[in-house]
Amino acid sequence: MQVFVTGGTGTIGSAVVAELVAHGHAVRGLARSDASAAALDAAGAVPVRGSLADLDVLRAGAAQSDGVISLAFGSDYSSAEAIERSVAEERDVLAALGEVLAGTGRPLVTVSGTPWIPGRLATEADPLPTDGVVGGRGRTVGAALALADRGVRSTAVRMPRTVHENGAGGFVGLLTAAARRSGTAAYPGDGAQRWPAVHARDAAVLFRLALEVAPAGTAWHAVADEGTAVRDIATVIGRRLGLPVASAPVEEFGPFGAIFALDQPASSAHTRDVLGWRPTRPGQLADLENLRP
């Protein structure tokens, strides 16, 4: 299959590109810089120069493909406004890709986060939140899945709070960066809240399965660890970095503070049963032991 990928050089994207190439797919990846183009070329993909703002480039990439995996999302999490800009950009990107794929039956795989449901594990049947700092993304993914009614085999892979490899990535990566800046491995509240996680290489397998076989209009959970207490995560970070571990007010964690404080475990039982996905890589705490001081 000829696959067009956006975001193919990030933590998730580089694993997805490697997984696709290893399974015989031809990959063309959006590259907004010389470094990104070189990374894609080294991974066995063909770079397509452009950015998420270049909607005509995206449309052409989709038109020339047998399927699309859209992973790119802004990396500026410094404020709610910055996140909102990234959400709006993603909305425009998926709308442009959907225009091209409508009526073709080709797959469009999008990415989002797992929802949080008070008092229990979130499942694939639960809706995404459509309010708050990430609510716009929930609406965007909902619109992408609705493209199933227009002849697109659209699916969504919901990622847990941490997608990790060698101790880096996701919410854990944000906690680690904050610890390096402040000199304390801090966690919000009492730290009993749980975050789900997955290794990037395991997540990549699920993206490939969604591309190849997932039915239109479906959502899947890339969850390996259903939920690890944030206090336990901070403890490993502190030990690896040689820093003290302590609770801190939610407000100190920036625009994601309120989400950081939520108990948000999630299940992937349905995904495993239907798609046969089986994560095999190290879990969240084990992989965090690879964190370098």
Protein backbone atom coordinates (compact mmCIF):
# COMPACT_ATOMS: atom_id res chain seq x y z
CA MET A 1 0.00 0.00 0.00
CA GLN A 2 1.23 3.53 -0.80
CA VAL A 3 0.79 5.44 2.47
CA PHE A 4 1.02 9.19 3.05
CA VAL A 5 2.07 10.05 6.61
CA THR A 6 2.17 13.38 8.42
CA GLY A 7 4.20 13.70 11.61
CA GLY A 8 6.44 10.84 10.54
CA THR A 9 9.55 11.93 12.45
CA GLY A 10 8.17 12.32 15.98
CA THR A 11 8.23 9.72 18.75
CA ILE A 12 5.11 8.02 17.42
CA GLY A 13 5.59 8.86 13.76
CA SER A 14 9.11 7.49 13.41
CA ALA A 15 7.94 4.20 14.93
CA VAL A 16 4.94 4.12 12.59
CA VAL A 17 7.08 4.74 9.50
CA ALA A 18 9.48 1.97 10.53
CA GLU A 19 6.56 -0.42 11.14
CA LEU A 20 4.98 0.34 7.76
CA VAL A 21 8.23 -0.05 5.83
CA ALA A 22 9.03 -3.30 7.65
CA HIS A 23 5.67 -4.71 6.53
CA GLY A 24 6.09 -3.86 2.86
CA HIS A 25 4.24 -0.57 2.61
CA ALA A 26 5.66 2.30 0.55
CA VAL A 27 5.68 5.47 2.65
CA ARG A 28 5.68 9.11 1.62
CA GLY A 29 6.09 11.45 4.56
CA LEU A 30 5.49 15.17 4.99
CA ALA A 31 8.77 16.93 5.82
CA ARG A 32 8.89 20.59 6.83
CA SER A 33 12.69 20.75 7.24
CA ASP A 34 15.89 19.33 5.79
CA ALA A 35 16.40 17.36 9.01
CA SER A 36 12.94 15.80 8.77
CA ALA A 37 13.48 14.96 5.11
CA ALA A 38 16.81 13.29 5.93
CA ALA A 39 15.24 11.27 8.76
CA LEU A 40 12.43 10.04 6.51
CA ASP A 41 14.86 9.13 3.76
CA ALA A 42 17.02 7.20 6.23
CA ALA A 43 13.92 5.30 7.40
CA GLY A 44 13.11 4.19 3.88
CA ALA A 45 10.35 6.74 3.19
CA VAL A 46 10.09 9.34 0.43
CA PRO A 47 10.04 12.88 1.84
CA VAL A 48 7.36 15.30 0.64
CA ARG A 49 8.43 18.86 1.44
CA GLY A 50 5.81 21.06 3.06
CA SER A 51 4.12 21.96 6.34
CA LEU A 52 0.68 21.46 7.82
CA ALA A 53 -0.22 24.91 6.53
CA ASP A 54 0.37 23.74 2.94
CA LEU A 55 -3.06 22.25 2.37
CA ASP A 56 -2.50 21.79 -1.36
CA VAL A 57 0.58 19.67 -0.60
CA LEU A 58 -1.49 17.59 1.81
CA ARG A 59 -4.26 17.15 -0.73
CA ALA A 60 -1.76 16.00 -3.36
CA GLY A 61 -0.19 13.58 -0.90
CA ALA A 62 -3.58 12.07 -0.13
CA ALA A 63 -4.58 11.90 -3.78
CA GLN A 64 -1.44 9.94 -4.65
CA SER A 65 -1.85 7.45 -1.81
CA ASP A 66 -3.80 4.29 -1.03
CA GLY A 67 -4.22 5.47 2.55
CA VAL A 68 -3.27 8.25 4.96
CA ILE A 69 -2.07 8.30 8.57
CA SER A 70 -2.31 11.78 10.06
CA LEU A 71 -0.11 12.16 13.15
CA ALA A 72 1.23 15.71 13.05
CA PHE A 73 0.20 18.07 15.84
CA GLY A 74 1.78 21.26 17.13
CA SER A 75 4.49 20.95 19.78
CA ASP A 76 3.85 24.23 21.61
CA TYR A 77 2.09 23.42 24.90
CA SER A 78 3.07 26.63 26.65
CA SER A 79 -0.45 28.05 26.86
CA ALA A 80 -4.08 27.26 26.18
CA GLU A 81 -3.95 29.63 23.21
CA ALA A 82 -1.03 27.76 21.66
CA ILE A 83 -2.84 24.46 22.06
CA GLU A 84 -5.97 25.94 20.50
CA ARG A 85 -3.94 27.02 17.46
CA SER A 86 -2.66 23.47 17.05
CA VAL A 87 -6.19 22.10 17.39
CA ALA A 88 -7.45 24.48 14.69
CA GLU A 89 -4.57 23.52 12.41
CA GLU A 90 -5.32 19.82 12.85
CA ARG A 91 -9.00 20.46 12.09
CA ASP A 92 -8.09 22.12 8.78
CA VAL A 93 -5.63 19.34 7.90
CA LEU A 94 -8.15 16.54 8.44
CA ALA A 95 -10.84 18.43 6.54
CA ALA A 96 -8.50 18.81 3.55
CA LEU A 97 -7.50 15.14 3.62
CA GLY A 98 -11.13 14.11 3.95
CA GLU A 99 -12.10 16.13 0.87
CA VAL A 100 -9.65 14.15 -1.25
CA LEU A 101 -10.49 10.73 0.18
CA ALA A 102 -14.28 11.11 0.11
CA GLY A 103 -15.95 8.41 -1.96
CA THR A 104 -12.76 6.36 -2.41
CA GLY A 105 -13.11 3.85 0.43
CA ARG A 106 -9.45 4.48 1.29
CA PRO A 107 -8.32 4.55 4.92
CA LEU A 108 -7.66 7.71 6.92
CA VAL A 109 -6.17 6.99 10.34
CA THR A 110 -6.20 9.83 12.86
CA VAL A 111 -4.83 10.13 16.37
CA SER A 112 -6.33 11.41 19.60
CA GLY A 113 -6.17 10.75 23.33
CA THR A 114 -8.06 8.26 25.46
CA PRO A 115 -11.04 9.73 27.35
CA TRP A 116 -11.39 9.71 31.12
CA ILE A 117 -14.44 8.31 32.86
CA PRO A 118 -14.92 8.89 36.60
CA GLY A 119 -14.74 5.70 38.63
CA ARG A 120 -13.76 3.20 35.93
CA LEU A 121 -11.53 2.34 33.02
CA ALA A 122 -12.28 4.25 29.82
CA THR A 123 -13.14 2.00 26.89
CA GLU A 124 -13.25 2.35 23.13
CA ALA A 125 -17.02 2.88 23.35
CA ASP A 126 -16.69 6.02 25.48
CA PRO A 127 -16.90 9.40 23.71
CA LEU A 128 -14.04 11.87 23.67
CA PRO A 129 -14.47 15.07 25.71
CA THR A 130 -15.52 18.05 23.62
CA ASP A 131 -14.89 20.79 26.17
CA GLY A 132 -11.82 22.05 28.01
CA VAL A 133 -8.33 22.64 26.63
CA VAL A 134 -8.41 19.52 24.41
CA GLY A 135 -12.14 19.57 23.62
CA GLY A 136 -11.58 20.94 20.13
CA ARG A 137 -9.51 17.91 19.30
CA GLY A 138 -12.37 15.65 20.33
CA ARG A 139 -14.66 17.49 17.94
CA THR A 140 -12.10 17.26 15.14
CA VAL A 141 -11.68 13.51 15.55
CA GLY A 142 -15.45 13.10 15.68
CA ALA A 143 -15.73 14.91 12.35
CA ALA A 144 -13.01 12.68 10.90
CA LEU A 145 -14.83 9.52 11.96
CA ALA A 146 -18.03 10.91 10.45
CA LEU A 147 -16.25 10.81 7.08
CA ALA A 148 -17.22 7.13 7.10
CA ASP A 149 -20.61 8.34 5.86
CA ARG A 150 -18.86 9.92 2.87
CA GLY A 151 -16.99 6.83 1.74
CA VAL A 152 -13.79 7.19 3.76
CA ARG A 153 -12.55 4.27 5.88
CA SER A 154 -11.77 6.66 8.69
CA THR A 155 -10.54 5.35 12.04
CA ALA A 156 -9.00 6.85 15.17
CA VAL A 157 -6.21 5.43 17.31
CA ARG A 158 -6.55 6.87 20.80
CA MET A 159 -3.24 7.28 22.54
CA PRO A 160 -2.76 7.15 26.31
CA ARG A 161 -1.22 9.98 28.32
CA THR A 162 2.30 8.68 27.75
CA VAL A 163 3.74 7.20 24.56
CA HIS A 164 7.26 6.31 25.61
CA GLU A 165 10.53 5.00 24.27
CA ASN A 166 13.81 5.00 26.22
CA GLY A 167 12.14 6.86 29.07
CA ALA A 168 10.93 9.80 26.99
CA GLY A 169 7.60 10.96 25.62
CA GLY A 170 4.09 12.11 26.51
CA PHE A 171 3.00 13.32 29.93
CA VAL A 172 5.96 11.54 31.54
CA GLY A 173 8.26 13.51 29.25
CA LEU A 174 6.60 16.74 30.37
CA LEU A 175 7.05 15.76 34.03
CA THR A 176 10.69 14.95 33.37
CA ALA A 177 11.33 18.26 31.62
CA ALA A 178 9.68 20.12 34.49
CA ALA A 179 11.82 18.22 37.00
CA ARG A 180 15.00 19.18 35.18
CA ARG A 181 13.95 22.84 35.17
CA SER A 182 12.80 23.06 38.78
CA GLY A 183 15.14 20.64 40.52
CA THR A 184 12.23 18.62 41.96
CA ALA A 185 10.43 15.59 40.53
CA ALA A 186 6.95 16.92 41.27
CA TYR A 187 3.52 15.37 40.88
CA PRO A 188 0.11 17.07 41.17
CA GLY A 189 -2.04 16.48 44.25
CA ASP A 190 -1.53 13.24 46.16
CA GLY A 191 -0.16 11.45 43.09
CA ALA A 192 -2.64 8.58 43.34
CA GLN A 193 -4.19 9.44 39.97
CA ARG A 194 -3.34 6.95 37.24
CA TRP A 195 -2.05 7.54 33.73
CA PRO A 196 -2.24 4.90 30.98
CA ALA A 197 0.76 4.36 28.71
CA VAL A 198 2.12 2.52 25.68
CA HIS A 199 5.53 1.97 24.13
CA ALA A 200 5.88 3.80 20.80
CA ARG A 201 6.78 0.59 18.96
CA ASP A 202 3.66 -1.15 20.23
CA ALA A 203 1.53 1.84 19.26
CA ALA A 204 2.99 1.70 15.75
CA VAL A 205 1.71 -1.83 15.30
CA LEU A 206 -1.82 -0.67 16.11
CA PHE A 207 -1.61 2.17 13.59
CA ARG A 208 -0.64 -0.36 10.93
CA LEU A 209 -3.51 -2.66 11.87
CA ALA A 210 -5.97 0.24 11.76
CA LEU A 211 -4.69 1.20 8.32
CA GLU A 212 -4.92 -2.34 7.00
CA VAL A 213 -8.09 -3.80 8.48
CA ALA A 214 -10.06 -1.55 10.86
CA PRO A 215 -13.69 -0.88 9.81
CA ALA A 216 -14.82 2.64 8.96
CA GLY A 217 -15.93 4.92 11.76
CA THR A 218 -14.19 3.01 14.56
CA ALA A 219 -11.94 4.04 17.46
CA TRP A 220 -9.22 1.94 19.06
CA HIS A 221 -7.15 2.17 22.23
CA ALA A 222 -3.34 1.90 22.10
CA VAL A 223 -3.14 1.14 25.82
CA ALA A 224 -0.55 -1.26 27.20
CA ASP A 225 -0.44 -0.09 30.85
CA GLU A 226 -3.99 0.63 31.98
CA GLY A 227 -2.88 3.07 34.65
CA THR A 228 0.24 3.83 36.70
CA ALA A 229 0.10 6.11 39.76
CA VAL A 230 1.71 9.45 38.96
CA ARG A 231 3.49 9.42 42.32
CA ASP A 232 5.23 6.18 41.27
CA ILE A 233 6.23 7.77 37.97
CA ALA A 234 7.68 10.81 39.75
CA THR A 235 9.56 8.53 42.13
CA VAL A 236 11.40 6.86 39.27
CA ILE A 237 12.09 10.22 37.62
CA GLY A 238 13.50 11.55 40.88
CA ARG A 239 15.71 8.52 41.41
CA ARG A 240 17.03 8.52 37.84
CA LEU A 241 17.76 12.27 37.91
CA GLY A 242 18.96 12.38 41.50
CA LEU A 243 16.25 14.84 42.52
CA PRO A 244 13.84 15.06 45.47
CA VAL A 245 10.24 13.94 44.89
CA ALA A 246 7.33 16.05 46.15
CA SER A 247 3.72 17.03 45.56
CA ALA A 248 3.06 20.41 43.93
CA PRO A 249 -0.10 22.47 43.33
CA VAL A 250 -1.95 21.69 40.12
CA GLU A 251 -1.48 25.28 38.96
CA GLU A 252 2.27 24.75 38.69
CA PHE A 253 1.79 22.31 35.82
CA GLY A 254 0.60 24.88 33.29
CA PRO A 255 -2.29 24.45 30.83
CA PHE A 256 -2.34 20.68 31.33
CA GLY A 257 -2.49 20.91 35.11
CA ALA A 258 -6.17 20.06 35.40
CA ILE A 259 -5.72 17.04 33.12
CA PHE A 260 -2.58 15.95 34.97
CA ALA A 261 -4.63 15.79 38.17
CA LEU A 262 -7.31 13.49 36.75
CA ASP A 263 -7.50 9.78 37.44
CA GLN A 264 -7.75 8.48 33.87
CA PRO A 265 -7.02 4.75 33.48
CA ALA A 266 -8.06 3.17 30.19
CA SER A 267 -8.60 -0.29 28.74
CA SER A 268 -7.70 -1.77 25.36
CA ALA A 269 -9.57 -5.06 25.79
CA HIS A 270 -11.84 -4.47 22.78
CA THR A 271 -8.89 -3.46 20.58
CA ARG A 272 -6.99 -6.59 21.53
CA ASP A 273 -9.99 -8.86 20.98
CA VAL A 274 -11.01 -7.45 17.60
CA LEU A 275 -7.72 -6.45 15.95
CA GLY A 276 -5.48 -8.98 17.69
CA TRP A 277 -3.13 -6.26 18.93
CA ARG A 278 -0.65 -7.54 21.52
CA PRO A 279 1.82 -5.07 23.08
CA THR A 280 5.18 -6.70 23.81
CA ARG A 281 7.56 -3.84 24.67
CA PRO A 282 8.61 -2.69 28.17
CA GLY A 283 5.97 -1.01 30.31
CA GLN A 284 5.92 2.58 31.52
CA LEU A 285 7.99 2.24 34.71
CA ALA A 286 10.41 -0.29 33.24
CA ASP A 287 11.11 1.93 30.23
CA LEU A 288 11.52 4.96 32.50
CA GLU A 289 14.57 3.21 33.97
CA ASN A 290 16.29 4.14 30.68
CA LEU A 291 16.02 7.84 31.57
CA ARG A 292 19.45 9.43 31.59
CA PRO A 293 20.48 11.86 34.37
